[in-house]
C-alpha atoms as a PDB file:
ATOM      1  CA  MET A   1      94.675  68.138  41.054  1.00  0.00           C
ATOM      2  CA  LYS A   2      95.701  64.860  42.718  1.00  0.00           C
ATOM      3  CA  GLN A   3      96.277  61.758  40.590  1.00  0.00           C
ATOM      4  CA  GLU A   4      97.418  58.258  41.492  1.00  0.00           C
ATOM      5  CA  ILE A   5     100.296  57.097  39.288  1.00  0.00           C
ATOM      6  CA  ASN A   6     102.193  53.856  38.775  1.00  0.00           C
ATOM      7  CA  PRO A   7     105.519  54.106  40.673  1.00  0.00           C
ATOM      8  CA  LYS A   8     107.139  51.723  38.177  1.00  0.00           C
ATOM      9  CA  GLU A   9     106.612  54.294  35.441  1.00  0.00           C
ATOM     10  CA  THR A  10     108.466  57.046  37.327  1.00  0.00           C
ATOM     11  CA  SER A  11     112.044  57.822  38.321  1.00  0.00           C
ATOM     12  CA  ARG A  12     111.075  56.816  41.896  1.00  0.00           C
ATOM     13  CA  ALA A  13     110.422  53.151  41.029  1.00  0.00           C
ATOM     14  CA  GLN A  14     113.434  51.709  42.853  1.00  0.00           C
ATOM     15  CA  ALA A  15     113.135  54.055  45.832  1.00  0.00           C
ATOM     16  CA  PHE A  16     109.413  53.320  46.154  1.00  0.00           C
ATOM     17  CA  GLU A  17     110.099  49.578  46.183  1.00  0.00           C
ATOM     18  CA  LEU A  18     112.856  49.950  48.786  1.00  0.00           C
ATOM     19  CA  TRP A  19     111.328  52.456  51.176  1.00  0.00           C
ATOM     20  CA  MET A  20     107.529  52.391  50.945  1.00  0.00           C
ATOM     21  CA  LYS A  21     107.203  49.554  53.457  1.00  0.00           C
ATOM     22  CA  SER A  22     110.076  50.632  55.674  1.00  0.00           C
ATOM     23  CA  PRO A  23     109.058  51.078  59.365  1.00  0.00           C
ATOM     24  CA  MET A  24     111.223  54.232  59.507  1.00  0.00           C
ATOM     25  CA  PRO A  25     111.199  55.741  56.005  1.00  0.00           C
ATOM     26  CA  MET A  26     111.874  59.352  56.931  1.00  0.00           C
ATOM     27  CA  VAL A  27     115.219  61.135  56.470  1.00  0.00           C
ATOM     28  CA  THR A  28     116.272  64.407  58.115  1.00  0.00           C
ATOM     29  CA  LEU A  29     118.819  66.925  56.806  1.00  0.00           C
ATOM     30  CA  VAL A  30     119.793  70.088  58.690  1.00  0.00           C
ATOM     31  CA  LYS A  31     121.337  73.194  57.148  1.00  0.00           C
ATOM     32  CA  THR A  32     122.090  76.693  58.413  1.00  0.00           C
ATOM     33  CA  PHE A  33     120.986  79.422  56.004  1.00  0.00           C
ATOM     34  CA  ASP A  34     122.001  83.026  55.535  1.00  0.00           C
ATOM     35  CA  VAL A  35     118.715  84.962  55.874  1.00  0.00           C
ATOM     36  CA  THR A  36     120.250  88.432  56.135  1.00  0.00           C
ATOM     37  CA  ARG A  37     118.704  89.745  52.913  1.00  0.00           C
ATOM     38  CA  LEU A  38     115.317  88.197  53.677  1.00  0.00           C
ATOM     39  CA  LEU A  39     115.156  89.809  57.113  1.00  0.00           C
ATOM     40  CA  LYS A  40     116.096  93.220  55.678  1.00  0.00           C
ATOM     41  CA  ALA A  41     113.447  92.866  52.950  1.00  0.00           C
ATOM     42  CA  SER A  42     110.862  91.899  55.554  1.00  0.00           C
ATOM     43  CA  ARG A  43     111.508  95.035  57.571  1.00  0.00           C
ATOM     44  CA  ARG A  44     111.905  97.342  54.583  1.00  0.00           C
ATOM     45  CA  GLN A  45     108.712  96.190  52.861  1.00  0.00           C
ATOM     46  CA  GLY A  46     106.637  95.603  55.990  1.00  0.00           C
ATOM     47  CA  LEU A  47     106.115  91.911  55.169  1.00  0.00           C
ATOM     48  CA  LYS A  48     106.093  89.038  57.638  1.00  0.00           C
ATOM     49  CA  PHE A  49     109.407  87.193  57.790  1.00  0.00           C
ATOM     50  CA  ASN A  50     107.662  83.823  58.137  1.00  0.00           C
ATOM     51  CA  MET A  51     105.507  84.501  55.072  1.00  0.00           C
ATOM     52  CA  LEU A  52     108.550  85.403  52.981  1.00  0.00           C
ATOM     53  CA  LEU A  53     110.396  82.286  54.123  1.00  0.00           C
ATOM     54  CA  CYS A  54     107.411  80.088  53.269  1.00  0.00           C
ATOM     55  CA  TRP A  55     107.252  81.663  49.798  1.00  0.00           C
ATOM     56  CA  CYS A  56     110.966  80.973  49.279  1.00  0.00           C
ATOM     57  CA  ILE A  57     110.394  77.344  50.310  1.00  0.00           C
ATOM     58  CA  GLY A  58     107.574  77.019  47.791  1.00  0.00           C
ATOM     59  CA  LYS A  59     109.662  78.659  45.063  1.00  0.00           C
ATOM     60  CA  ALA A  60     112.623  76.324  45.612  1.00  0.00           C
ATOM     61  CA  ALA A  61     110.382  73.238  45.763  1.00  0.00           C
ATOM     62  CA  SER A  62     108.464  74.222  42.626  1.00  0.00           C
ATOM     63  CA  GLN A  63     111.652  73.759  40.570  1.00  0.00           C
ATOM     64  CA  ILE A  64     112.085  70.094  41.596  1.00  0.00           C
ATOM     65  CA  PRO A  65     109.664  67.530  40.031  1.00  0.00           C
ATOM     66  CA  GLU A  66     109.868  65.100  42.960  1.00  0.00           C
ATOM     67  CA  PHE A  67     108.259  67.658  45.264  1.00  0.00           C
ATOM     68  CA  TYR A  68     105.009  67.151  43.357  1.00  0.00           C
ATOM     69  CA  LEU A  69     104.920  63.471  44.378  1.00  0.00           C
ATOM     70  CA  LEU A  70     103.505  61.976  47.583  1.00  0.00           C
ATOM     71  CA  PRO A  71     103.893  58.352  48.738  1.00  0.00           C
ATOM     72  CA  LYS A  72     100.902  57.401  50.899  1.00  0.00           C
ATOM     73  CA  ASP A  73      99.077  54.207  51.900  1.00  0.00           C
ATOM     74  CA  GLY A  74     101.206  52.077  49.590  1.00  0.00           C
ATOM     75  CA  LYS A  75     100.458  54.312  46.597  1.00  0.00           C
ATOM     76  CA  LEU A  76     102.171  57.156  44.778  1.00  0.00           C
ATOM     77  CA  PHE A  77     100.313  60.343  43.908  1.00  0.00           C
ATOM     78  CA  ARG A  78     101.239  63.257  41.655  1.00  0.00           C
ATOM     79  CA  PHE A  79      99.910  66.797  42.125  1.00  0.00           C
ATOM     80  CA  ASP A  80      99.860  69.660  39.639  1.00  0.00           C
ATOM     81  CA  ARG A  81     100.419  72.377  42.246  1.00  0.00           C
ATOM     82  CA  LEU A  82     102.045  72.985  45.625  1.00  0.00           C
ATOM     83  CA  GLY A  83     100.977  74.471  48.933  1.00  0.00           C
ATOM     84  CA  VAL A  84     102.833  75.415  52.103  1.00  0.00           C
ATOM     85  CA  ASN A  85     101.354  74.526  55.485  1.00  0.00           C
ATOM     86  CA  VAL A  86     101.810  76.814  58.474  1.00  0.00           C
ATOM     87  CA  ILE A  87     100.828  76.216  62.092  1.00  0.00           C
ATOM     88  CA  VAL A  88      99.107  79.113  63.884  1.00  0.00           C
ATOM     89  CA  ASP A  89      98.129  79.773  67.489  1.00  0.00           C
ATOM     90  CA  ASN A  90      94.337  79.996  67.521  1.00  0.00           C
ATOM     91  CA  GLU A  91      92.026  82.001  69.765  1.00  0.00           C
ATOM     92  CA  GLN A  92      91.174  78.999  71.953  1.00  0.00           C
ATOM     93  CA  GLY A  93      94.793  78.631  73.009  1.00  0.00           C
ATOM     94  CA  GLY A  94      95.458  75.664  70.745  1.00  0.00           C
ATOM     95  CA  ILE A  95      96.979  75.378  67.310  1.00  0.00           C
ATOM     96  CA  SER A  96      95.470  75.091  63.831  1.00  0.00           C
ATOM     97  CA  ASN A  97      96.959  73.999  60.515  1.00  0.00           C
ATOM     98  CA  CYS A  98      96.602  76.221  57.486  1.00  0.00           C
ATOM     99  CA  ASP A  99      97.479  75.276  53.889  1.00  0.00           C
ATOM    100  CA  ILE A 100      98.567  78.252  51.758  1.00  0.00           C
ATOM    101  CA  PRO A 101      98.482  77.684  47.970  1.00  0.00           C
ATOM    102  CA  TYR A 102     101.881  78.460  46.459  1.00  0.00           C
ATOM    103  CA  SER A 103     101.999  81.113  43.742  1.00  0.00           C
ATOM    104  CA  ASP A 104     104.990  82.500  41.859  1.00  0.00           C
ATOM    105  CA  ASP A 105     103.342  85.875  42.454  1.00  0.00           C
ATOM    106  CA  LEU A 106     104.574  86.949  45.899  1.00  0.00           C
ATOM    107  CA  ARG A 107     101.757  89.470  46.291  1.00  0.00           C
ATOM    108  CA  GLN A 108      99.139  86.788  45.705  1.00  0.00           C
ATOM    109  CA  PHE A 109     100.859  84.408  48.120  1.00  0.00           C
ATOM    110  CA  SER A 110     101.045  87.176  50.738  1.00  0.00           C
ATOM    111  CA  ARG A 111      97.328  87.927  50.389  1.00  0.00           C
ATOM    112  CA  ASP A 112      96.419  84.250  50.692  1.00  0.00           C
ATOM    113  CA  TYR A 113      98.760  83.866  53.667  1.00  0.00           C
ATOM    114  CA  ASP A 114      97.171  86.768  55.562  1.00  0.00           C
ATOM    115  CA  THR A 115      93.584  85.826  54.725  1.00  0.00           C
ATOM    116  CA  LEU A 116      93.838  82.115  55.475  1.00  0.00           C
ATOM    117  CA  THR A 117      95.938  82.348  58.635  1.00  0.00           C
ATOM    118  CA  LYS A 118      93.556  84.952  60.098  1.00  0.00           C
ATOM    119  CA  GLU A 119      90.632  82.660  59.315  1.00  0.00           C
ATOM    120  CA  ALA A 120      92.351  79.695  60.977  1.00  0.00           C
ATOM    121  CA  VAL A 121      93.147  81.778  64.073  1.00  0.00           C
ATOM    122  CA  ALA A 122      89.580  83.085  64.393  1.00  0.00           C
ATOM    123  CA  THR A 123      87.671  79.874  63.613  1.00  0.00           C
ATOM    124  CA  CYS A 124      90.088  77.518  65.417  1.00  0.00           C
ATOM    125  CA  ARG A 125      89.687  75.088  62.531  1.00  0.00           C
ATOM    126  CA  ASP A 126      92.236  73.580  60.170  1.00  0.00           C
ATOM    127  CA  ILE A 127      92.221  74.832  56.592  1.00  0.00           C
ATOM    128  CA  ASN A 128      93.272  71.958  54.345  1.00  0.00           C
ATOM    129  CA  ASP A 129      93.908  71.876  50.607  1.00  0.00           C
ATOM    130  CA  ASP A 130      93.694  68.193  49.662  1.00  0.00           C
ATOM    131  CA  GLU A 131      94.245  68.894  45.959  1.00  0.00           C
ATOM    132  CA  ALA A 132      97.711  70.391  46.441  1.00  0.00           C
ATOM    133  CA  MET A 133     100.980  68.739  47.408  1.00  0.00           C
ATOM    134  CA  ILE A 134     101.577  70.286  50.817  1.00  0.00           C
ATOM    135  CA  ILE A 135     104.999  71.098  52.254  1.00  0.00           C
ATOM    136  CA  GLY A 136     104.727  71.254  56.035  1.00  0.00           C
ATOM    137  CA  THR A 137     106.442  73.930  58.122  1.00  0.00           C
ATOM    138  CA  SER A 138     106.668  74.822  61.790  1.00  0.00           C
ATOM    139  CA  ALA A 139     108.283  77.912  63.284  1.00  0.00           C
ATOM    140  CA  VAL A 140     109.357  77.291  66.887  1.00  0.00           C
ATOM    141  CA  VAL A 141     110.465  80.861  67.505  1.00  0.00           C
ATOM    142  CA  GLY A 142     110.492  80.710  71.309  1.00  0.00           C
ATOM    143  CA  THR A 143     114.133  79.636  71.238  1.00  0.00           C
ATOM    144  CA  GLU A 144     117.124  79.096  68.975  1.00  0.00           C
ATOM    145  CA  LEU A 145     117.384  75.551  67.621  1.00  0.00           C
ATOM    146  CA  ASP A 146     120.375  73.587  66.390  1.00  0.00           C
ATOM    147  CA  CYS A 147     118.252  70.681  65.164  1.00  0.00           C
ATOM    148  CA  ILE A 148     114.760  69.208  65.417  1.00  0.00           C
ATOM    149  CA  VAL A 149     113.549  65.753  64.375  1.00  0.00           C
ATOM    150  CA  ASN A 150     109.858  65.025  63.838  1.00  0.00           C
ATOM    151  CA  GLN A 151     108.058  61.662  64.065  1.00  0.00           C
ATOM    152  CA  TYR A 152     109.592  58.921  61.904  1.00  0.00           C
ATOM    153  CA  THR A 153     106.551  56.684  61.603  1.00  0.00           C
ATOM    154  CA  GLY A 154     105.546  57.435  58.018  1.00  0.00           C
ATOM    155  CA  ILE A 155     102.044  58.514  59.114  1.00  0.00           C
ATOM    156  CA  PHE A 156     102.707  62.021  57.836  1.00  0.00           C
ATOM    157  CA  ASN A 157     104.726  61.582  54.635  1.00  0.00           C
ATOM    158  CA  ASN A 158     104.857  65.154  53.312  1.00  0.00           C
ATOM    159  CA  PRO A 159     108.175  67.044  53.393  1.00  0.00           C
ATOM    160  CA  PHE A 160     108.387  68.996  56.633  1.00  0.00           C
ATOM    161  CA  LEU A 161     110.622  71.943  57.518  1.00  0.00           C
ATOM    162  CA  VAL A 162     111.140  73.323  61.025  1.00  0.00           C
ATOM    163  CA  TRP A 163     113.116  76.281  62.316  1.00  0.00           C
ATOM    164  CA  GLY A 164     113.532  78.256  65.525  1.00  0.00           C
ATOM    165  CA  ARG A 165     114.613  81.806  66.251  1.00  0.00           C
ATOM    166  CA  TYR A 166     117.187  83.258  63.844  1.00  0.00           C
ATOM    167  CA  LYS A 167     120.673  84.027  65.127  1.00  0.00           C
ATOM    168  CA  ARG A 168     122.607  87.251  64.651  1.00  0.00           C
ATOM    169  CA  HIS A 169     126.351  87.163  63.865  1.00  0.00           C
ATOM    170  CA  TRP A 170     127.737  90.681  63.458  1.00  0.00           C
ATOM    171  CA  PHE A 171     126.356  91.830  60.103  1.00  0.00           C
ATOM    172  CA  LYS A 172     124.750  88.510  59.169  1.00  0.00           C
ATOM    173  CA  THR A 173     121.643  86.676  60.309  1.00  0.00           C
ATOM    174  CA  ALA A 174     121.560  82.882  60.240  1.00  0.00           C
ATOM    175  CA  LEU A 175     118.691  80.422  60.543  1.00  0.00           C
ATOM    176  CA  THR A 176     119.031  76.657  60.993  1.00  0.00           C
ATOM    177  CA  ILE A 177     116.316  74.699  59.177  1.00  0.00           C
ATOM    178  CA  SER A 178     115.533  71.002  59.492  1.00  0.00           C
ATOM    179  CA  LEU A 179     114.131  69.208  56.427  1.00  0.00           C
ATOM    180  CA  GLN A 180     112.415  65.845  56.902  1.00  0.00           C
ATOM    181  CA  PHE A 181     111.271  63.837  53.891  1.00  0.00           C
ATOM    182  CA  HIS A 182     110.065  60.373  52.896  1.00  0.00           C
ATOM    183  CA  HIS A 183     112.812  58.399  51.160  1.00  0.00           C
ATOM    184  CA  ALA A 184     110.348  57.039  48.582  1.00  0.00           C
ATOM    185  CA  GLN A 185     109.740  60.620  47.425  1.00  0.00           C
ATOM    186  CA  LEU A 186     113.246  62.057  47.546  1.00  0.00           C
ATOM    187  CA  ASP A 187     116.825  60.849  47.594  1.00  0.00           C
ATOM    188  CA  GLY A 188     119.591  62.847  49.185  1.00  0.00           C
ATOM    189  CA  ARG A 189     120.446  64.347  45.791  1.00  0.00           C
ATOM    190  CA  GLN A 190     117.027  65.971  45.337  1.00  0.00           C
ATOM    191  CA  ALA A 191     116.878  67.047  48.977  1.00  0.00           C
ATOM    192  CA  ALA A 192     120.317  68.665  48.757  1.00  0.00           C
ATOM    193  CA  LEU A 193     119.345  70.383  45.499  1.00  0.00           C
ATOM    194  CA  PHE A 194     116.262  71.803  47.211  1.00  0.00           C
ATOM    195  CA  LEU A 195     118.322  73.144  50.117  1.00  0.00           C
ATOM    196  CA  GLU A 196     120.814  74.728  47.726  1.00  0.00           C
ATOM    197  CA  ARG A 197     118.053  76.371  45.685  1.00  0.00           C
ATOM    198  CA  LEU A 198     116.428  77.611  48.864  1.00  0.00           C
ATOM    199  CA  GLN A 199     119.695  79.273  49.890  1.00  0.00           C
ATOM    200  CA  GLN A 200     120.070  80.810  46.422  1.00  0.00           C
ATOM    201  CA  THR A 201     116.555  82.226  46.669  1.00  0.00           C
ATOM    202  CA  LEU A 202     117.290  83.673  50.104  1.00  0.00           C
ATOM    203  CA  LYS A 203     120.597  85.228  49.009  1.00  0.00           C
ATOM    204  CA  THR A 204     119.255  86.849  45.845  1.00  0.00           C
ATOM    205  CA  TRP A 205     116.433  88.610  47.664  1.00  0.00           C
ATOM    206  CA  LYS A 206     116.358  92.340  46.946  1.00  0.00           C
END
């Protein structure tokens, strides 16, 4: 459920006042992650690497209250659940957006991921979940990336993560991920905490 809230009654009051009207309110952090365990689990269990990574993103974000907030159109909204957006190549040669509801249950998330992405590919239509706080993602796997920066206009205010092809280093596999976020939603402290929890989730994968 989506609910408008008073920014002055939240921990984001000062940040909202400072950054909501900024012409360039977005911040980008870049971190290289160890995804060795995740890649092995993907191959061992026959699960899509991108799906597992999206689930780990949702899991890390679900532990941080600020990820349930969205600054938009001069207002602040709170959501009671999260979703992860993926971009798919559709059958018309274009791309479609697909919002996957986050669930702590990996099996449920995997089923939703497969069902919804296949529907988006076949119908060539976006699948949007307006009642969930959506974390955007984009996998640019055609090449290895050191960094990527998205638009800074504040039109799209949701947190957005982008990555390219993972890199192999002897017995380890690394993946550089770019996190863009609106400063009214997150400070560097919360963003860094999210990145640390994401790495912990990736490293403890069995």
